[in-house]
């Protein structure tokens, strides 16, 4: 492996995306499977996040949030149990330029892109607004960018040789 190069703009975008995915899972997605378990006086209600989620669902026509089907709850559980730990470790590993993150990042990106296919199909079928589709589209755009970055890196994801090849 050659010497390490500084992270470029795309790498920082990936780090920020992964870190923001952690926050999104805690603040939003986890409500869909944990709020009922934790009862009516749960943390999301106390922080006003449950109201924000209901308003979002109404504003953009997000049928998956307003009335989540079982399959969507299963996707959320995968997000909590698989994607959340990866994103926390992945943001750190990408920022620290750890070469071993390549395979886990590719698996994560493939998983997210695969789950987005039925999600977008339902949203389109149910008449979600362009804003709603655009926001969900971020979970297509950033994993696709991550895969593109990994595929274009050659043997070493963060080597100085790659930087020279890009320049």
Protein backbone atom coordinates (compact mmCIF):
# COMPACT_ATOMS: atom_id res chain seq x y z
CA UNK A 1 0.00 0.00 0.00
CA UNK A 2 1.32 3.47 -0.90
CA UNK A 3 1.33 6.50 1.32
CA UNK A 4 -2.00 7.86 2.43
CA UNK A 5 -3.48 10.94 0.83
CA UNK A 6 -5.77 13.50 2.41
CA UNK A 7 -9.47 12.85 2.04
CA UNK A 8 -10.99 14.60 -0.95
CA UNK A 9 -14.42 16.27 -1.09
CA UNK A 10 -16.24 13.05 -2.07
CA UNK A 11 -14.68 11.21 0.85
CA UNK A 12 -15.88 13.91 3.26
CA UNK A 13 -19.35 13.78 1.70
CA UNK A 14 -19.39 10.03 2.39
CA UNK A 15 -18.26 10.55 6.01
CA UNK A 16 -20.97 13.18 6.59
CA UNK A 17 -23.60 10.99 4.92
CA UNK A 18 -22.72 8.00 7.11
CA UNK A 19 -22.75 10.11 10.29
CA UNK A 20 -26.07 11.71 9.32
CA UNK A 21 -27.54 8.26 8.65
CA UNK A 22 -26.82 7.39 12.30
CA UNK A 23 -28.71 10.50 13.44
CA UNK A 24 -31.58 9.80 11.03
CA UNK A 25 -32.00 6.25 12.31
CA UNK A 26 -32.14 7.39 15.94
CA UNK A 27 -34.36 10.43 15.38
CA UNK A 28 -36.74 9.16 12.73
CA UNK A 29 -36.64 5.58 11.52
CA UNK A 30 -36.44 3.88 14.90
CA UNK A 31 -39.77 5.49 15.87
CA UNK A 32 -41.54 3.26 13.37
CA UNK A 33 -40.61 0.08 15.23
CA UNK A 34 -39.76 1.14 18.79
CA UNK A 35 -42.36 3.78 19.72
CA UNK A 36 -45.12 1.22 20.29
CA UNK A 37 -42.81 -0.94 22.38
CA UNK A 38 -41.73 1.99 24.56
CA UNK A 39 -45.25 3.31 25.10
CA UNK A 40 -46.98 6.67 24.58
CA UNK A 41 -44.55 8.69 26.70
CA UNK A 42 -41.50 7.71 24.68
CA UNK A 43 -38.45 9.83 23.96
CA UNK A 44 -39.66 10.82 20.47
CA UNK A 45 -42.92 12.20 21.88
CA UNK A 46 -41.03 14.09 24.59
CA UNK A 47 -38.66 15.67 22.05
CA UNK A 48 -41.42 16.51 19.56
CA UNK A 49 -39.94 14.17 16.98
CA UNK A 50 -43.12 12.09 16.73
CA UNK A 51 -45.11 15.19 15.75
CA UNK A 52 -42.43 16.14 13.24
CA UNK A 53 -42.63 12.68 11.69
CA UNK A 54 -46.44 12.85 11.44
CA UNK A 55 -46.20 16.29 9.81
CA UNK A 56 -43.59 15.02 7.36
CA UNK A 57 -45.76 12.06 6.42
CA UNK A 58 -48.74 14.33 5.82
CA UNK A 59 -46.74 16.95 3.92
CA UNK A 60 -45.12 14.61 1.42
CA UNK A 61 -47.63 11.76 1.28
CA UNK A 62 -45.30 9.22 2.86
CA UNK A 63 -47.58 6.22 3.24
CA UNK A 64 -44.76 4.06 4.55
CA UNK A 65 -44.34 6.33 7.57
CA UNK A 66 -48.03 7.02 8.18
CA UNK A 67 -49.00 3.35 8.10
CA UNK A 68 -45.85 1.20 7.93
CA UNK A 69 -46.48 -2.27 6.49
CA UNK A 70 -44.76 -5.28 8.02
CA UNK A 71 -42.17 -5.54 5.24
CA UNK A 72 -41.17 -1.90 5.79
CA UNK A 73 -40.82 -2.50 9.53
CA UNK A 74 -38.54 -5.43 8.67
CA UNK A 75 -36.42 -3.07 6.57
CA UNK A 76 -36.25 -0.66 9.52
CA UNK A 77 -35.14 -3.50 11.82
CA UNK A 78 -32.36 -4.30 9.33
CA UNK A 79 -31.44 -0.63 9.40
CA UNK A 80 -31.28 -0.64 13.21
CA UNK A 81 -29.39 -3.92 13.54
CA UNK A 82 -27.10 -3.82 10.48
CA UNK A 83 -26.87 -0.37 8.94
CA UNK A 84 -26.70 1.68 12.15
CA UNK A 85 -23.63 -0.11 13.54
CA UNK A 86 -21.98 0.00 10.13
CA UNK A 87 -22.62 3.72 9.70
CA UNK A 88 -21.13 4.55 13.09
CA UNK A 89 -18.00 2.49 12.44
CA UNK A 90 -17.97 3.34 8.74
CA UNK A 91 -17.94 7.10 9.25
CA UNK A 92 -14.95 6.75 11.57
CA UNK A 93 -13.14 4.24 9.33
CA UNK A 94 -13.66 6.31 6.18
CA UNK A 95 -12.45 9.49 7.92
CA UNK A 96 -9.46 7.57 9.31
CA UNK A 97 -8.75 6.15 5.81
CA UNK A 98 -8.93 2.52 6.87
CA UNK A 99 -8.53 0.30 3.81
CA UNK A 100 -10.58 -2.53 5.35
CA UNK A 101 -13.76 -0.40 5.07
CA UNK A 102 -13.99 -1.12 1.33
CA UNK A 103 -15.87 -4.44 1.54
CA UNK A 104 -18.22 -3.50 4.41
CA UNK A 105 -18.99 -0.20 2.63
CA UNK A 106 -19.78 -1.99 -0.62
CA UNK A 107 -22.06 -4.44 1.22
CA UNK A 108 -23.78 -1.56 3.05
CA UNK A 109 -24.28 0.42 -0.16
CA UNK A 110 -25.65 -2.62 -1.98
CA UNK A 111 -28.03 -3.35 0.89
CA UNK A 112 -29.33 0.23 0.99
CA UNK A 113 -29.79 0.39 -2.79
CA UNK A 114 -31.64 -2.93 -2.76
CA UNK A 115 -34.03 -1.85 -0.01
CA UNK A 116 -34.71 1.43 -1.79
CA UNK A 117 -36.24 -0.29 -4.85
CA UNK A 118 -39.49 -1.41 -3.15
CA UNK A 119 -39.60 1.75 -1.02
CA UNK A 120 -39.50 4.07 -4.03
CA UNK A 121 -41.96 1.85 -5.92
CA UNK A 122 -44.52 2.13 -3.11
CA UNK A 123 -44.00 5.88 -2.73
CA UNK A 124 -44.51 6.44 -6.46
CA UNK A 125 -47.56 4.17 -6.52
CA UNK A 126 -49.07 5.96 -3.51
CA UNK A 127 -48.48 9.44 -4.94
CA UNK A 128 -45.68 10.77 -2.74
CA UNK A 129 -44.68 14.33 -3.57
CA UNK A 130 -41.52 15.20 -5.49
CA UNK A 131 -40.04 16.49 -2.22
CA UNK A 132 -40.65 13.14 -0.54
CA UNK A 133 -39.11 11.26 -3.45
CA UNK A 134 -36.13 13.63 -3.50
CA UNK A 135 -35.43 13.08 0.19
CA UNK A 136 -35.66 9.30 -0.17
CA UNK A 137 -33.49 9.67 -3.27
CA UNK A 138 -30.59 10.69 -1.05
CA UNK A 139 -30.43 7.04 0.08
CA UNK A 140 -29.93 6.11 -3.55
CA UNK A 141 -27.51 8.90 -4.46
CA UNK A 142 -25.03 8.56 -1.60
CA UNK A 143 -24.71 4.75 -1.60
CA UNK A 144 -24.29 4.93 -5.40
CA UNK A 145 -21.53 7.53 -4.95
CA UNK A 146 -19.93 5.29 -2.34
CA UNK A 147 -19.94 2.32 -4.72
CA UNK A 148 -18.57 4.50 -7.52
CA UNK A 149 -15.77 5.70 -5.25
CA UNK A 150 -14.93 2.14 -4.21
CA UNK A 151 -15.05 0.77 -7.76
CA UNK A 152 -12.87 3.58 -9.10
CA UNK A 153 -10.22 3.26 -6.41
CA UNK A 154 -8.30 0.32 -7.77
CA UNK A 155 -6.43 -1.75 -5.22
CA UNK A 156 -6.03 0.89 -2.49
CA UNK A 157 -9.00 3.02 -1.49
CA UNK A 158 -7.01 5.81 0.16
CA UNK A 159 -3.54 5.59 -1.37
CA UNK A 160 -1.54 8.52 -2.70
CA UNK A 161 -1.26 6.63 -6.02
CA UNK A 162 -5.01 7.06 -6.51
CA UNK A 163 -4.73 10.79 -5.89
CA UNK A 164 -1.98 11.06 -8.52
CA UNK A 165 -4.14 9.10 -10.96
CA UNK A 166 -7.05 11.51 -10.36
CA UNK A 167 -4.93 14.66 -10.82
